[in-house]
Amino acid sequence: LTLQTLRTTFPEIADIPKRLAQLYQKNNQIPLAIKMRLEAAELDHSDKELQQEAARAAEQSKDSARAIVIYERLTRIDPNDLRCRRALAKAYDNAGITRQAALAYQEIVNRAPDDIATRRRLGILMSDLPGFQGRAVLQFKQVLEQNPKDGEIHRRLGELYLQSRNYVEAEKHLRQALAYNSRDAQAHQNLATLMVGQSRFEEAIDGYRQALTIDPKLNIARLNQAKVFLGLNRREEAIKALRDYLTQNPLEEEPRRLLATALRDHGRREEAIAEFEAIAALRPSDMDSSM
């Protein structure tokens, strides 16, 4: 009773709920003891044991935002506690906070360079972050030194080289990815895009076709294939590919504009007008469609 009175009078003192928790524990009042320890954890950020208990409670209640805050405290209490750092990185990752997750995984790799699983995840996150692609390449290379048969990493490394127009390295890694997984539709798609960059258009068309055979829902391959058809003046094939693409993505302006222009240039005026009207409906202020 005295402690309850003190708790009301001095709500900022962590020692009071700590002592209450001990008494509740002795009296076998476990739920109240847990509640008091969690309250104390909010008041005393330096108590590692309390923070760990608060972290477990946040995970059990699936309160990811609270778990992140608590694991941040724990890494400040003990910067070398890799278990807490992994939990923090995973919490960021699960919450979709990509940049912070990457930085948290980087801290783990700095302390445990041989942790290939963490390095692999770090590279994947960095490959999707603007300005971090160079670091991603370094992480992927080290992963492949330990596991040269990792097809996904070969594909992702090939994608990064493709973005930087290093076609030789890109093709090498994309073909490695396909050697380990011939049904990797994204690798086929990327290899076809590489061939477009090298003006190997027939090979590119075949590559996009293979990607779509494996994964008919990989619509980016269908759109890219249509663009190659247009570049080769194969309008009928381009029109079909664009119509198939727009069946799945009816509100995208660029492919609809490509379709309208292809129909117009192919002499199919009424169909072209319908497509330009659809663009005008999407963008009423677009003067080009009106013209």
C-alpha atoms as a PDB file:
ATOM      1  CA  LEU A   1       0.000   0.000   0.000  1.00  0.00           C
ATOM      2  CA  THR A   2       2.847   2.358   0.816  1.00  0.00           C
ATOM      3  CA  LEU A   3       4.507   1.646  -2.536  1.00  0.00           C
ATOM      4  CA  GLN A   4       1.222   2.224  -4.384  1.00  0.00           C
ATOM      5  CA  THR A   5       0.904   5.599  -2.693  1.00  0.00           C
ATOM      6  CA  LEU A   6       4.498   6.478  -3.564  1.00  0.00           C
ATOM      7  CA  ARG A   7       3.917   5.355  -7.149  1.00  0.00           C
ATOM      8  CA  THR A   8       1.064   7.847  -7.462  1.00  0.00           C
ATOM      9  CA  THR A   9       3.089  10.633  -5.864  1.00  0.00           C
ATOM     10  CA  PHE A  10       6.366   9.949  -7.715  1.00  0.00           C
ATOM     11  CA  PRO A  11       5.367   8.360 -11.063  1.00  0.00           C
ATOM     12  CA  GLU A  12       8.806   9.050 -12.593  1.00  0.00           C
ATOM     13  CA  ILE A  13      10.828   6.938 -10.126  1.00  0.00           C
ATOM     14  CA  ALA A  14      11.607   3.500 -11.615  1.00  0.00           C
ATOM     15  CA  ASP A  15      12.580   1.890  -8.299  1.00  0.00           C
ATOM     16  CA  ILE A  16       8.967   1.977  -7.046  1.00  0.00           C
ATOM     17  CA  PRO A  17       7.406  -0.279  -9.747  1.00  0.00           C
ATOM     18  CA  LYS A  18      10.509  -2.501  -9.537  1.00  0.00           C
ATOM     19  CA  ARG A  19       9.863  -3.109  -5.825  1.00  0.00           C
ATOM     20  CA  LEU A  20       6.147  -3.578  -6.455  1.00  0.00           C
ATOM     21  CA  ALA A  21       7.005  -6.188  -9.086  1.00  0.00           C
ATOM     22  CA  GLN A  22       9.148  -8.080  -6.561  1.00  0.00           C
ATOM     23  CA  LEU A  23       6.301  -8.113  -4.017  1.00  0.00           C
ATOM     24  CA  TYR A  24       3.741  -9.244  -6.591  1.00  0.00           C
ATOM     25  CA  GLN A  25       6.154 -11.993  -7.687  1.00  0.00           C
ATOM     26  CA  LYS A  26       6.509 -13.205  -4.092  1.00  0.00           C
ATOM     27  CA  ASN A  27       2.730 -13.229  -3.706  1.00  0.00           C
ATOM     28  CA  ASN A  28       2.458 -15.225  -6.977  1.00  0.00           C
ATOM     29  CA  GLN A  29       0.554 -12.364  -8.636  1.00  0.00           C
ATOM     30  CA  ILE A  30       2.398 -12.919 -11.911  1.00  0.00           C
ATOM     31  CA  PRO A  31       0.333 -10.708 -14.291  1.00  0.00           C
ATOM     32  CA  LEU A  32       0.690  -7.737 -11.926  1.00  0.00           C
ATOM     33  CA  ALA A  33       4.409  -8.424 -11.504  1.00  0.00           C
ATOM     34  CA  ILE A  34       4.875  -8.414 -15.304  1.00  0.00           C
ATOM     35  CA  LYS A  35       2.867  -5.194 -15.613  1.00  0.00           C
ATOM     36  CA  MET A  36       5.041  -3.466 -13.010  1.00  0.00           C
ATOM     37  CA  ARG A  37       8.294  -4.629 -14.637  1.00  0.00           C
ATOM     38  CA  LEU A  38       7.127  -3.267 -17.992  1.00  0.00           C
ATOM     39  CA  GLU A  39       6.268   0.028 -16.330  1.00  0.00           C
ATOM     40  CA  ALA A  40       9.701   0.119 -14.727  1.00  0.00           C
ATOM     41  CA  ALA A  41      11.299  -0.619 -18.106  1.00  0.00           C
ATOM     42  CA  GLU A  42       9.705   2.536 -19.499  1.00  0.00           C
ATOM     43  CA  LEU A  43      11.184   4.566 -16.657  1.00  0.00           C
ATOM     44  CA  ASP A  44      14.662   2.991 -16.457  1.00  0.00           C
ATOM     45  CA  HIS A  45      16.232   2.569 -19.902  1.00  0.00           C
ATOM     46  CA  SER A  46      19.545   1.437 -18.449  1.00  0.00           C
ATOM     47  CA  ASP A  47      18.285  -1.842 -16.940  1.00  0.00           C
ATOM     48  CA  LYS A  48      19.119  -4.478 -19.565  1.00  0.00           C
ATOM     49  CA  GLU A  49      17.092  -7.254 -17.952  1.00  0.00           C
ATOM     50  CA  LEU A  50      13.950  -5.102 -17.819  1.00  0.00           C
ATOM     51  CA  GLN A  51      14.409  -3.969 -21.407  1.00  0.00           C
ATOM     52  CA  GLN A  52      14.787  -7.574 -22.577  1.00  0.00           C
ATOM     53  CA  GLU A  53      11.557  -8.495 -20.817  1.00  0.00           C
ATOM     54  CA  ALA A  54       9.815  -5.497 -22.393  1.00  0.00           C
ATOM     55  CA  ALA A  55      11.109  -6.575 -25.805  1.00  0.00           C
ATOM     56  CA  ARG A  56       9.689 -10.080 -25.344  1.00  0.00           C
ATOM     57  CA  ALA A  57       6.350  -8.610 -24.315  1.00  0.00           C
ATOM     58  CA  ALA A  58       6.278  -6.349 -27.390  1.00  0.00           C
ATOM     59  CA  GLU A  59       7.058  -9.302 -29.679  1.00  0.00           C
ATOM     60  CA  GLN A  60       4.365 -11.442 -28.082  1.00  0.00           C
ATOM     61  CA  SER A  61       1.805  -8.669 -28.604  1.00  0.00           C
ATOM     62  CA  LYS A  62       3.152  -8.130 -32.169  1.00  0.00           C
ATOM     63  CA  ASP A  63       3.770  -4.457 -31.398  1.00  0.00           C
ATOM     64  CA  SER A  64       6.603  -3.937 -33.899  1.00  0.00           C
ATOM     65  CA  ALA A  65       6.940  -0.186 -33.324  1.00  0.00           C
ATOM     66  CA  ARG A  66       7.433  -0.700 -29.593  1.00  0.00           C
ATOM     67  CA  ALA A  67       9.825  -3.606 -30.173  1.00  0.00           C
ATOM     68  CA  ILE A  68      12.001  -1.380 -32.390  1.00  0.00           C
ATOM     69  CA  VAL A  69      12.203   1.323 -29.711  1.00  0.00           C
ATOM     70  CA  ILE A  70      13.174  -1.209 -27.046  1.00  0.00           C
ATOM     71  CA  TYR A  71      15.803  -2.961 -29.187  1.00  0.00           C
ATOM     72  CA  GLU A  72      17.294   0.448 -29.983  1.00  0.00           C
ATOM     73  CA  ARG A  73      17.665   0.986 -26.235  1.00  0.00           C
ATOM     74  CA  LEU A  74      19.260  -2.429 -25.809  1.00  0.00           C
ATOM     75  CA  THR A  75      21.856  -1.784 -28.515  1.00  0.00           C
ATOM     76  CA  ARG A  76      22.763   1.454 -26.736  1.00  0.00           C
ATOM     77  CA  ILE A  77      23.100  -0.397 -23.418  1.00  0.00           C
ATOM     78  CA  ASP A  78      25.337  -3.084 -24.951  1.00  0.00           C
ATOM     79  CA  PRO A  79      26.597  -2.228 -28.474  1.00  0.00           C
ATOM     80  CA  ASN A  80      28.267  -5.645 -28.836  1.00  0.00           C
ATOM     81  CA  ASP A  81      25.153  -7.710 -28.122  1.00  0.00           C
ATOM     82  CA  LEU A  82      24.655  -9.283 -31.562  1.00  0.00           C
ATOM     83  CA  ARG A  83      21.436 -11.018 -30.555  1.00  0.00           C
ATOM     84  CA  CYS A  84      19.787  -7.668 -29.869  1.00  0.00           C
ATOM     85  CA  ARG A  85      21.263  -6.163 -33.022  1.00  0.00           C
ATOM     86  CA  ARG A  86      19.840  -9.031 -35.082  1.00  0.00           C
ATOM     87  CA  ALA A  87      16.452  -8.593 -33.440  1.00  0.00           C
ATOM     88  CA  LEU A  88      16.546  -4.845 -34.176  1.00  0.00           C
ATOM     89  CA  ALA A  89      17.550  -5.398 -37.816  1.00  0.00           C
ATOM     90  CA  LYS A  90      14.821  -8.007 -38.260  1.00  0.00           C
ATOM     91  CA  ALA A  91      12.242  -5.683 -36.674  1.00  0.00           C
ATOM     92  CA  TYR A  92      13.179  -2.878 -39.078  1.00  0.00           C
ATOM     93  CA  ASP A  93      13.127  -5.358 -41.962  1.00  0.00           C
ATOM     94  CA  ASN A  94       9.689  -6.750 -41.084  1.00  0.00           C
ATOM     95  CA  ALA A  95       8.322  -3.219 -40.735  1.00  0.00           C
ATOM     96  CA  GLY A  96       9.613  -2.285 -44.209  1.00  0.00           C
ATOM     97  CA  ILE A  97      12.024   0.367 -42.874  1.00  0.00           C
ATOM     98  CA  THR A  98      14.605  -0.611 -45.482  1.00  0.00           C
ATOM     99  CA  ARG A  99      17.353   1.929 -44.929  1.00  0.00           C
ATOM    100  CA  GLN A 100      17.466   1.451 -41.159  1.00  0.00           C
ATOM    101  CA  ALA A 101      17.348  -2.321 -41.595  1.00  0.00           C
ATOM    102  CA  ALA A 102      20.335  -2.154 -43.968  1.00  0.00           C
ATOM    103  CA  LEU A 103      22.321  -0.011 -41.547  1.00  0.00           C
ATOM    104  CA  ALA A 104      21.473  -2.376 -38.689  1.00  0.00           C
ATOM    105  CA  TYR A 105      22.590  -5.409 -40.711  1.00  0.00           C
ATOM    106  CA  GLN A 106      25.766  -3.504 -41.630  1.00  0.00           C
ATOM    107  CA  GLU A 107      26.573  -3.111 -37.915  1.00  0.00           C
ATOM    108  CA  ILE A 108      26.238  -6.876 -37.476  1.00  0.00           C
ATOM    109  CA  VAL A 109      28.482  -7.597 -40.467  1.00  0.00           C
ATOM    110  CA  ASN A 110      31.067  -5.152 -39.110  1.00  0.00           C
ATOM    111  CA  ARG A 111      31.209  -7.182 -35.890  1.00  0.00           C
ATOM    112  CA  ALA A 112      30.744 -10.630 -37.475  1.00  0.00           C
ATOM    113  CA  PRO A 113      32.260 -10.567 -40.990  1.00  0.00           C
ATOM    114  CA  ASP A 114      31.730 -14.318 -41.490  1.00  0.00           C
ATOM    115  CA  ASP A 115      27.958 -14.084 -41.027  1.00  0.00           C
ATOM    116  CA  ILE A 116      27.106 -14.793 -44.675  1.00  0.00           C
ATOM    117  CA  ALA A 117      23.334 -15.010 -44.147  1.00  0.00           C
ATOM    118  CA  THR A 118      23.285 -11.487 -42.708  1.00  0.00           C
ATOM    119  CA  ARG A 119      25.634 -10.222 -45.420  1.00  0.00           C
ATOM    120  CA  ARG A 120      23.334 -11.726 -48.058  1.00  0.00           C
ATOM    121  CA  ARG A 121      20.274  -9.952 -46.649  1.00  0.00           C
ATOM    122  CA  LEU A 122      22.281  -6.737 -46.335  1.00  0.00           C
ATOM    123  CA  GLY A 123      23.207  -6.892 -50.025  1.00  0.00           C
ATOM    124  CA  ILE A 124      19.597  -7.514 -51.076  1.00  0.00           C
ATOM    125  CA  LEU A 125      18.367  -4.503 -49.099  1.00  0.00           C
ATOM    126  CA  MET A 126      21.164  -2.261 -50.360  1.00  0.00           C
ATOM    127  CA  SER A 127      20.476  -3.254 -53.975  1.00  0.00           C
ATOM    128  CA  ASP A 128      17.021  -1.668 -53.632  1.00  0.00           C
ATOM    129  CA  LEU A 129      18.263   1.545 -51.987  1.00  0.00           C
ATOM    130  CA  PRO A 130      19.230   4.499 -54.219  1.00  0.00           C
ATOM    131  CA  GLY A 131      22.908   5.283 -53.792  1.00  0.00           C
ATOM    132  CA  PHE A 132      23.730   1.977 -52.098  1.00  0.00           C
ATOM    133  CA  GLN A 133      24.120  -0.195 -55.213  1.00  0.00           C
ATOM    134  CA  GLY A 134      27.926  -0.031 -55.126  1.00  0.00           C
ATOM    135  CA  ARG A 135      27.919  -1.352 -51.565  1.00  0.00           C
ATOM    136  CA  ALA A 136      25.461  -4.064 -52.594  1.00  0.00           C
ATOM    137  CA  VAL A 137      27.893  -5.265 -55.281  1.00  0.00           C
ATOM    138  CA  LEU A 138      30.632  -5.642 -52.657  1.00  0.00           C
ATOM    139  CA  GLN A 139      28.329  -7.617 -50.352  1.00  0.00           C
ATOM    140  CA  PHE A 140      27.159  -9.912 -53.163  1.00  0.00           C
ATOM    141  CA  LYS A 141      30.734 -10.639 -54.247  1.00  0.00           C
ATOM    142  CA  GLN A 142      31.649 -11.737 -50.730  1.00  0.00           C
ATOM    143  CA  VAL A 143      28.526 -13.901 -50.513  1.00  0.00           C
ATOM    144  CA  LEU A 144      29.433 -15.607 -53.802  1.00  0.00           C
ATOM    145  CA  GLU A 145      32.952 -16.278 -52.559  1.00  0.00           C
ATOM    146  CA  GLN A 146      31.398 -18.461 -49.868  1.00  0.00           C
ATOM    147  CA  ASN A 147      28.492 -19.794 -51.920  1.00  0.00           C
ATOM    148  CA  PRO A 148      29.211 -19.554 -55.664  1.00  0.00           C
ATOM    149  CA  LYS A 149      26.028 -21.515 -56.520  1.00  0.00           C
ATOM    150  CA  ASP A 150      23.630 -18.918 -55.088  1.00  0.00           C
ATOM    151  CA  GLY A 151      21.532 -18.304 -58.202  1.00  0.00           C
ATOM    152  CA  GLU A 152      19.466 -15.458 -56.759  1.00  0.00           C
ATOM    153  CA  ILE A 153      22.575 -13.498 -55.818  1.00  0.00           C
ATOM    154  CA  HIS A 154      24.026 -14.039 -59.298  1.00  0.00           C
ATOM    155  CA  ARG A 155      20.782 -12.637 -60.737  1.00  0.00           C
ATOM    156  CA  ARG A 156      20.744  -9.637 -58.423  1.00  0.00           C
ATOM    157  CA  LEU A 157      24.410  -8.904 -59.118  1.00  0.00           C
ATOM    158  CA  GLY A 158      23.669  -9.162 -62.842  1.00  0.00           C
ATOM    159  CA  GLU A 159      20.825  -6.656 -62.415  1.00  0.00           C
ATOM    160  CA  LEU A 160      23.168  -4.169 -60.739  1.00  0.00           C
ATOM    161  CA  TYR A 161      25.759  -4.517 -63.508  1.00  0.00           C
ATOM    162  CA  LEU A 162      22.970  -4.113 -66.064  1.00  0.00           C
ATOM    163  CA  GLN A 163      21.889  -0.850 -64.421  1.00  0.00           C
ATOM    164  CA  SER A 164      25.457   0.457 -64.742  1.00  0.00           C
ATOM    165  CA  ARG A 165      25.651  -0.792 -68.381  1.00  0.00           C
ATOM    166  CA  ASN A 166      28.470  -3.184 -67.603  1.00  0.00           C
ATOM    167  CA  TYR A 167      27.049  -5.688 -70.063  1.00  0.00           C
ATOM    168  CA  VAL A 168      29.939  -8.152 -69.907  1.00  0.00           C
ATOM    169  CA  GLU A 169      29.686  -8.700 -66.154  1.00  0.00           C
ATOM    170  CA  ALA A 170      25.887  -8.526 -66.250  1.00  0.00           C
ATOM    171  CA  GLU A 171      25.639 -11.282 -68.858  1.00  0.00           C
ATOM    172  CA  LYS A 172      28.143 -13.451 -67.001  1.00  0.00           C
ATOM    173  CA  HIS A 173      26.149 -13.365 -63.766  1.00  0.00           C
ATOM    174  CA  LEU A 174      22.719 -13.643 -65.397  1.00  0.00           C
ATOM    175  CA  ARG A 175      23.836 -16.743 -67.288  1.00  0.00           C
ATOM    176  CA  GLN A 176      25.235 -18.146 -64.048  1.00  0.00           C
ATOM    177  CA  ALA A 177      21.861 -17.544 -62.402  1.00  0.00           C
ATOM    178  CA  LEU A 178      20.143 -19.461 -65.211  1.00  0.00           C
ATOM    179  CA  ALA A 179      22.712 -22.253 -65.009  1.00  0.00           C
ATOM    180  CA  TYR A 180      21.643 -22.846 -61.398  1.00  0.00           C
ATOM    181  CA  ASN A 181      17.937 -22.178 -62.021  1.00  0.00           C
ATOM    182  CA  SER A 182      16.812 -22.344 -65.634  1.00  0.00           C
ATOM    183  CA  ARG A 183      13.264 -21.364 -64.620  1.00  0.00           C
ATOM    184  CA  ASP A 184      14.228 -18.002 -63.121  1.00  0.00           C
ATOM    185  CA  ALA A 185      11.834 -15.825 -65.121  1.00  0.00           C
ATOM    186  CA  GLN A 186      13.320 -12.572 -63.840  1.00  0.00           C
ATOM    187  CA  ALA A 187      16.804 -13.650 -64.953  1.00  0.00           C
ATOM    188  CA  HIS A 188      15.461 -14.397 -68.453  1.00  0.00           C
ATOM    189  CA  GLN A 189      13.790 -10.968 -68.464  1.00  0.00           C
ATOM    190  CA  ASN A 190      16.967  -9.200 -67.380  1.00  0.00           C
ATOM    191  CA  LEU A 191      19.085 -11.069 -69.917  1.00  0.00           C
ATOM    192  CA  ALA A 192      16.655 -10.066 -72.660  1.00  0.00           C
ATOM    193  CA  THR A 193      16.887  -6.415 -71.554  1.00  0.00           C
ATOM    194  CA  LEU A 194      20.671  -6.695 -71.711  1.00  0.00           C
ATOM    195  CA  MET A 195      20.386  -7.972 -75.287  1.00  0.00           C
ATOM    196  CA  VAL A 196      18.272  -4.959 -76.221  1.00  0.00           C
ATOM    197  CA  GLY A 197      21.108  -2.759 -74.962  1.00  0.00           C
ATOM    198  CA  GLN A 198      23.448  -4.656 -77.287  1.00  0.00           C
ATOM    199  CA  SER A 199      21.014  -4.417 -80.251  1.00  0.00           C
ATOM    200  CA  ARG A 200      20.502  -8.204 -80.208  1.00  0.00           C
ATOM    201  CA  PHE A 201      16.790  -7.752 -80.778  1.00  0.00           C
ATOM    202  CA  GLU A 202      15.745 -11.225 -81.953  1.00  0.00           C
ATOM    203  CA  GLU A 203      17.517 -12.811 -78.986  1.00  0.00           C
ATOM    204  CA  ALA A 204      15.814 -10.288 -76.714  1.00  0.00           C
ATOM    205  CA  ILE A 205      12.369 -11.169 -78.068  1.00  0.00           C
ATOM    206  CA  ASP A 206      13.081 -14.849 -77.481  1.00  0.00           C
ATOM    207  CA  GLY A 207      14.318 -14.090 -73.951  1.00  0.00           C
ATOM    208  CA  TYR A 208      11.146 -12.174 -73.068  1.00  0.00           C
ATOM    209  CA  ARG A 209       9.106 -15.040 -74.522  1.00  0.00           C
ATOM    210  CA  GLN A 210      10.917 -17.545 -72.302  1.00  0.00           C
ATOM    211  CA  ALA A 211      10.341 -15.362 -69.247  1.00  0.00           C
ATOM    212  CA  LEU A 212       6.603 -15.165 -69.976  1.00  0.00           C
ATOM    213  CA  THR A 213       6.378 -18.894 -70.608  1.00  0.00           C
ATOM    214  CA  ILE A 214       7.781 -19.499 -67.125  1.00  0.00           C
ATOM    215  CA  ASP A 215       5.814 -16.706 -65.441  1.00  0.00           C
ATOM    216  CA  PRO A 216       2.847 -15.345 -67.449  1.00  0.00           C
ATOM    217  CA  LYS A 217       2.299 -12.704 -64.747  1.00  0.00           C
ATOM    218  CA  LEU A 218       5.720 -11.096 -65.300  1.00  0.00           C
ATOM    219  CA  ASN A 219       4.149  -8.183 -67.152  1.00  0.00           C
ATOM    220  CA  ILE A 220       7.301  -6.063 -67.337  1.00  0.00           C
ATOM    221  CA  ALA A 221       8.656  -8.660 -69.792  1.00  0.00           C
ATOM    222  CA  ARG A 222       5.521  -8.295 -71.914  1.00  0.00           C
ATOM    223  CA  LEU A 223       5.852  -4.499 -71.988  1.00  0.00           C
ATOM    224  CA  ASN A 224       9.550  -4.645 -72.828  1.00  0.00           C
ATOM    225  CA  GLN A 225       8.855  -7.170 -75.584  1.00  0.00           C
ATOM    226  CA  ALA A 226       6.225  -4.822 -77.050  1.00  0.00           C
ATOM    227  CA  LYS A 227       8.748  -1.970 -77.115  1.00  0.00           C
ATOM    228  CA  VAL A 228      11.198  -4.150 -79.055  1.00  0.00           C
ATOM    229  CA  PHE A 229       8.453  -5.072 -81.531  1.00  0.00           C
ATOM    230  CA  LEU A 230       7.727  -1.372 -82.032  1.00  0.00           C
ATOM    231  CA  GLY A 231      11.393  -0.628 -82.589  1.00  0.00           C
ATOM    232  CA  LEU A 232      11.437  -3.301 -85.307  1.00  0.00           C
ATOM    233  CA  ASN A 233       8.173  -1.953 -86.869  1.00  0.00           C
ATOM    234  CA  ARG A 234       6.420  -5.228 -86.044  1.00  0.00           C
ATOM    235  CA  ARG A 235       3.275  -3.366 -85.033  1.00  0.00           C
ATOM    236  CA  GLU A 236       0.788  -6.226 -85.051  1.00  0.00           C
ATOM    237  CA  GLU A 237       2.868  -8.173 -82.529  1.00  0.00           C
ATOM    238  CA  ALA A 238       3.433  -5.007 -80.489  1.00  0.00           C
ATOM    239  CA  ILE A 239      -0.298  -4.233 -80.424  1.00  0.00           C
ATOM    240  CA  LYS A 240      -1.130  -7.724 -79.159  1.00  0.00           C
ATOM    241  CA  ALA A 241       1.558  -7.551 -76.459  1.00  0.00           C
ATOM    242  CA  LEU A 242       0.381  -4.103 -75.331  1.00  0.00           C
ATOM    243  CA  ARG A 243      -3.260  -5.190 -75.194  1.00  0.00           C
ATOM    244  CA  ASP A 244      -2.264  -8.213 -73.089  1.00  0.00           C
ATOM    245  CA  TYR A 245      -0.253  -5.925 -70.799  1.00  0.00           C
ATOM    246  CA  LEU A 246      -3.107  -3.442 -70.376  1.00  0.00           C
ATOM    247  CA  THR A 247      -5.502  -6.237 -69.480  1.00  0.00           C
ATOM    248  CA  GLN A 248      -3.540  -6.531 -66.235  1.00  0.00           C
ATOM    249  CA  ASN A 249      -2.582  -2.844 -65.885  1.00  0.00           C
ATOM    250  CA  PRO A 250      -5.462  -0.821 -67.354  1.00  0.00           C
ATOM    251  CA  LEU A 251      -4.596   2.473 -65.655  1.00  0.00           C
ATOM    252  CA  GLU A 252      -0.999   2.810 -66.854  1.00  0.00           C
ATOM    253  CA  GLU A 253      -0.596   5.731 -69.223  1.00  0.00           C
ATOM    254  CA  GLU A 254       2.679   4.942 -71.027  1.00  0.00           C
ATOM    255  CA  PRO A 255       1.683   1.533 -72.485  1.00  0.00           C
ATOM    256  CA  ARG A 256      -1.726   2.877 -73.468  1.00  0.00           C
ATOM    257  CA  ARG A 257      -0.064   5.783 -75.282  1.00  0.00           C
ATOM    258  CA  LEU A 258       2.265   3.314 -77.039  1.00  0.00           C
ATOM    259  CA  LEU A 259      -0.770   1.261 -78.069  1.00  0.00           C
ATOM    260  CA  ALA A 260      -2.694   4.306 -79.319  1.00  0.00           C
ATOM    261  CA  THR A 261       0.282   5.483 -81.376  1.00  0.00           C
ATOM    262  CA  ALA A 262       0.872   1.996 -82.809  1.00  0.00           C
ATOM    263  CA  LEU A 263      -2.795   1.700 -83.808  1.00  0.00           C
ATOM    264  CA  ARG A 264      -2.719   5.154 -85.417  1.00  0.00           C
ATOM    265  CA  ASP A 265       0.468   4.406 -87.356  1.00  0.00           C
ATOM    266  CA  HIS A 266      -0.991   1.070 -88.437  1.00  0.00           C
ATOM    267  CA  GLY A 267      -4.053   2.795 -89.917  1.00  0.00           C
ATOM    268  CA  ARG A 268      -6.511   1.512 -87.299  1.00  0.00           C
ATOM    269  CA  ARG A 269      -7.950   4.957 -86.653  1.00  0.00           C
ATOM    270  CA  GLU A 270     -11.097   4.135 -84.693  1.00  0.00           C
ATOM    271  CA  GLU A 271      -9.218   1.896 -82.260  1.00  0.00           C
ATOM    272  CA  ALA A 272      -6.519   4.558 -81.900  1.00  0.00           C
ATOM    273  CA  ILE A 273      -9.137   7.227 -81.124  1.00  0.00           C
ATOM    274  CA  ALA A 274     -10.603   4.998 -78.394  1.00  0.00           C
ATOM    275  CA  GLU A 275      -7.177   4.624 -76.793  1.00  0.00           C
ATOM    276  CA  PHE A 276      -6.424   8.363 -76.957  1.00  0.00           C
ATOM    277  CA  GLU A 277      -9.824   9.009 -75.367  1.00  0.00           C
ATOM    278  CA  ALA A 278      -8.913   6.580 -72.583  1.00  0.00           C
ATOM    279  CA  ILE A 279      -5.669   8.509 -71.990  1.00  0.00           C
ATOM    280  CA  ALA A 280      -7.611  11.781 -71.946  1.00  0.00           C
ATOM    281  CA  ALA A 281      -9.938  10.270 -69.334  1.00  0.00           C
ATOM    282  CA  LEU A 282      -6.926   9.352 -67.204  1.00  0.00           C
ATOM    283  CA  ARG A 283      -5.319  12.779 -67.725  1.00  0.00           C
ATOM    284  CA  PRO A 284      -7.950  15.377 -68.717  1.00  0.00           C
ATOM    285  CA  SER A 285      -5.321  18.116 -69.042  1.00  0.00           C
ATOM    286  CA  ASP A 286      -3.147  16.133 -71.479  1.00  0.00           C
ATOM    287  CA  MET A 287      -3.101  18.221 -74.672  1.00  0.00           C
ATOM    288  CA  ASP A 288      -1.194  15.642 -76.761  1.00  0.00           C
ATOM    289  CA  SER A 289      -4.008  13.093 -76.438  1.00  0.00           C
ATOM    290  CA  SER A 290      -6.597  15.722 -77.331  1.00  0.00           C
ATOM    291  CA  MET A 291      -4.589  16.757 -80.403  1.00  0.00           C
END
